Amino acid sequence: MSIDQFNPKMREVRLDTEVFEERFAEYDIISEFTGIILTLVAIEDNVRYTSFVTKSYAEVLRKQKEVIA
């Protein structure tokens, strides 16, 4: 018997950036690839929601989150 059967698979859903921002107040900005594209990531109910943004737009979002915090 393997322990993997108790590890549920996480689905991934890619959203338009505008929809992503409207839906999630809390999210992470990560770099999954090298270059100017970053990924917005939010996890809800075992689903990983993502949206790709440019590095410059990610900086705008980071600054907005700092102002709100």
N, C-alpha and C. Protein backbone atom coordinates (compact mmCIF):
# COMPACT_ATOMS: atom_id res chain seq x y z
N MET A 1 0.85 -1.18 0.00
CA MET A 1 0.00 0.00 0.00
C MET A 1 0.89 1.24 0.00
N SER A 2 0.64 2.13 -0.89
CA SER A 2 1.44 3.34 -1.03
C SER A 2 0.76 4.52 -0.37
N ILE A 3 1.57 5.41 0.18
CA ILE A 3 1.01 6.60 0.82
C ILE A 3 0.47 7.59 -0.22
N ASP A 4 0.89 7.46 -1.48
CA ASP A 4 0.42 8.36 -2.54
C ASP A 4 -1.09 8.34 -2.72
N GLN A 5 -1.73 7.23 -2.40
CA GLN A 5 -3.18 7.18 -2.57
C GLN A 5 -3.91 8.13 -1.63
N PHE A 6 -3.23 8.59 -0.59
CA PHE A 6 -3.83 9.53 0.35
C PHE A 6 -3.46 10.97 0.04
N ASN A 7 -2.65 11.17 -0.98
CA ASN A 7 -2.21 12.50 -1.37
C ASN A 7 -3.05 12.95 -2.56
N PRO A 8 -4.05 13.79 -2.32
CA PRO A 8 -4.92 14.21 -3.43
C PRO A 8 -4.15 15.05 -4.45
N LYS A 9 -4.47 14.85 -5.69
CA LYS A 9 -3.83 15.62 -6.76
C LYS A 9 -4.41 17.03 -6.78
N MET A 10 -3.52 18.01 -6.92
CA MET A 10 -3.96 19.40 -6.99
C MET A 10 -4.19 19.76 -8.46
N ARG A 11 -5.37 20.29 -8.74
CA ARG A 11 -5.67 20.75 -10.10
C ARG A 11 -5.09 22.14 -10.27
N GLU A 12 -4.85 22.53 -11.51
CA GLU A 12 -4.39 23.88 -11.80
C GLU A 12 -5.33 24.52 -12.80
N VAL A 13 -5.73 25.75 -12.51
CA VAL A 13 -6.63 26.51 -13.38
C VAL A 13 -5.95 27.83 -13.71
N ARG A 14 -5.84 28.12 -14.98
CA ARG A 14 -5.23 29.36 -15.42
C ARG A 14 -6.34 30.38 -15.69
N LEU A 15 -6.21 31.56 -15.08
CA LEU A 15 -7.23 32.60 -15.23
C LEU A 15 -6.65 33.83 -15.91
N ASP A 16 -7.53 34.61 -16.54
CA ASP A 16 -7.16 35.92 -17.04
C ASP A 16 -6.75 36.78 -15.85
N THR A 17 -5.76 37.63 -16.01
CA THR A 17 -5.24 38.43 -14.90
C THR A 17 -6.32 39.27 -14.24
N GLU A 18 -7.19 39.88 -15.02
CA GLU A 18 -8.26 40.71 -14.45
C GLU A 18 -9.19 39.88 -13.57
N VAL A 19 -9.56 38.71 -14.02
CA VAL A 19 -10.42 37.81 -13.25
C VAL A 19 -9.69 37.36 -11.98
N PHE A 20 -8.41 37.04 -12.12
CA PHE A 20 -7.61 36.60 -10.98
C PHE A 20 -7.59 37.67 -9.90
N GLU A 21 -7.30 38.92 -10.29
CA GLU A 21 -7.21 40.02 -9.33
C GLU A 21 -8.55 40.29 -8.63
N GLU A 22 -9.65 40.15 -9.37
CA GLU A 22 -10.97 40.37 -8.77
C GLU A 22 -11.32 39.27 -7.78
N ARG A 23 -10.89 38.05 -8.06
CA ARG A 23 -11.27 36.90 -7.24
C ARG A 23 -10.43 36.74 -5.98
N PHE A 24 -9.13 37.05 -6.06
CA PHE A 24 -8.23 36.76 -4.95
C PHE A 24 -7.60 38.02 -4.38
N ALA A 25 -7.79 38.22 -3.07
CA ALA A 25 -7.13 39.33 -2.39
C ALA A 25 -5.74 38.89 -1.91
N GLU A 26 -5.61 37.62 -1.59
CA GLU A 26 -4.33 37.07 -1.11
C GLU A 26 -3.76 36.14 -2.17
N TYR A 27 -2.54 36.43 -2.61
CA TYR A 27 -1.88 35.59 -3.59
C TYR A 27 -0.38 35.82 -3.52
N ASP A 28 0.37 34.92 -4.12
CA ASP A 28 1.83 35.04 -4.20
C ASP A 28 2.22 35.37 -5.62
N ILE A 29 3.36 36.04 -5.75
CA ILE A 29 3.94 36.31 -7.06
C ILE A 29 5.24 35.52 -7.11
N ILE A 30 5.32 34.58 -8.04
CA ILE A 30 6.50 33.73 -8.12
C ILE A 30 7.09 33.75 -9.53
N SER A 31 8.34 33.34 -9.61
CA SER A 31 9.02 33.23 -10.89
C SER A 31 9.21 31.76 -11.20
N GLU A 32 8.41 31.22 -12.11
CA GLU A 32 8.52 29.82 -12.49
C GLU A 32 9.44 29.64 -13.69
N PHE A 33 9.64 30.69 -14.43
CA PHE A 33 10.46 30.65 -15.64
C PHE A 33 11.47 31.79 -15.56
N THR A 34 12.55 31.69 -16.29
CA THR A 34 13.48 32.82 -16.35
C THR A 34 12.95 33.80 -17.39
N GLY A 35 13.18 35.06 -17.15
CA GLY A 35 12.72 36.06 -18.10
C GLY A 35 11.81 37.09 -17.45
N ILE A 36 10.97 37.68 -18.27
CA ILE A 36 10.15 38.79 -17.80
C ILE A 36 8.74 38.38 -17.40
N ILE A 37 8.42 37.10 -17.45
CA ILE A 37 7.08 36.63 -17.09
C ILE A 37 7.09 36.06 -15.68
N LEU A 38 6.17 36.54 -14.84
CA LEU A 38 6.00 36.02 -13.49
C LEU A 38 4.61 35.42 -13.37
N THR A 39 4.39 34.65 -12.33
CA THR A 39 3.12 33.95 -12.14
C THR A 39 2.45 34.40 -10.85
N LEU A 40 1.18 34.77 -10.94
CA LEU A 40 0.37 35.01 -9.75
C LEU A 40 -0.21 33.67 -9.36
N VAL A 41 -0.14 33.34 -8.07
CA VAL A 41 -0.60 32.02 -7.61
C VAL A 41 -1.48 32.18 -6.38
N ALA A 42 -2.63 31.53 -6.40
CA ALA A 42 -3.52 31.44 -5.23
C ALA A 42 -4.01 30.00 -5.15
N ILE A 43 -4.10 29.49 -3.94
CA ILE A 43 -4.58 28.12 -3.77
C ILE A 43 -5.85 28.16 -2.94
N GLU A 44 -6.88 27.49 -3.47
CA GLU A 44 -8.18 27.46 -2.81
C GLU A 44 -8.82 26.10 -3.07
N ASP A 45 -9.24 25.42 -2.00
CA ASP A 45 -9.92 24.12 -2.12
C ASP A 45 -9.17 23.13 -3.01
N ASN A 46 -7.86 23.00 -2.75
CA ASN A 46 -7.00 22.05 -3.46
C ASN A 46 -6.92 22.34 -4.96
N VAL A 47 -7.11 23.59 -5.34
CA VAL A 47 -6.95 24.02 -6.73
C VAL A 47 -5.94 25.16 -6.74
N ARG A 48 -4.97 25.05 -7.64
CA ARG A 48 -3.94 26.08 -7.79
C ARG A 48 -4.36 26.98 -8.95
N TYR A 49 -4.71 28.23 -8.63
CA TYR A 49 -5.11 29.20 -9.65
C TYR A 49 -3.88 30.02 -10.03
N THR A 50 -3.66 30.20 -11.32
CA THR A 50 -2.50 30.95 -11.79
C THR A 50 -2.89 31.95 -12.86
N SER A 51 -2.05 32.96 -12.98
CA SER A 51 -2.17 33.92 -14.06
C SER A 51 -0.77 34.46 -14.35
N PHE A 52 -0.43 34.62 -15.61
CA PHE A 52 0.89 35.11 -15.98
C PHE A 52 0.84 36.63 -16.16
N VAL A 53 1.88 37.30 -15.65
CA VAL A 53 1.99 38.75 -15.79
C VAL A 53 3.44 39.10 -16.13
N THR A 54 3.63 40.30 -16.67
CA THR A 54 4.99 40.76 -16.94
C THR A 54 5.65 41.16 -15.63
N LYS A 55 6.97 41.19 -15.64
CA LYS A 55 7.73 41.56 -14.45
C LYS A 55 7.37 42.98 -13.99
N SER A 56 7.19 43.90 -14.93
CA SER A 56 6.86 45.28 -14.56
C SER A 56 5.47 45.37 -13.91
N TYR A 57 4.51 44.61 -14.42
CA TYR A 57 3.18 44.62 -13.82
C TYR A 57 3.19 43.96 -12.45
N ALA A 58 4.01 42.93 -12.29
CA ALA A 58 4.14 42.29 -10.98
C ALA A 58 4.68 43.28 -9.95
N GLU A 59 5.60 44.14 -10.35
CA GLU A 59 6.11 45.17 -9.43
C GLU A 59 5.01 46.14 -9.02
N VAL A 60 4.14 46.52 -9.95
CA VAL A 60 3.01 47.38 -9.64
C VAL A 60 2.11 46.70 -8.60
N LEU A 61 1.83 45.42 -8.80
CA LEU A 61 0.99 44.67 -7.86
C LEU A 61 1.64 44.57 -6.49
N ARG A 62 2.96 44.34 -6.45
CA ARG A 62 3.67 44.26 -5.17
C ARG A 62 3.56 45.58 -4.41
N LYS A 63 3.74 46.68 -5.12
CA LYS A 63 3.65 48.00 -4.48
C LYS A 63 2.24 48.25 -3.95
N GLN A 64 1.22 47.85 -4.71
CA GLN A 64 -0.16 48.00 -4.26
C GLN A 64 -0.40 47.19 -2.98
N LYS A 65 0.13 45.96 -2.94
CA LYS A 65 -0.05 45.11 -1.76
C LYS A 65 0.65 45.73 -0.55
N GLU A 66 1.81 46.37 -0.75
CA GLU A 66 2.52 47.02 0.35
C GLU A 66 1.73 48.20 0.90
N VAL A 67 1.11 48.98 0.02
CA VAL A 67 0.33 50.14 0.44
C VAL A 67 -0.88 49.69 1.26
N ILE A 68 -1.52 48.60 0.82
CA ILE A 68 -2.70 48.09 1.51
C ILE A 68 -2.34 47.50 2.87
N ALA A 69 -1.16 46.86 2.95
CA ALA A 69 -0.75 46.19 4.20
C ALA A 69 -0.39 47.13 5.30
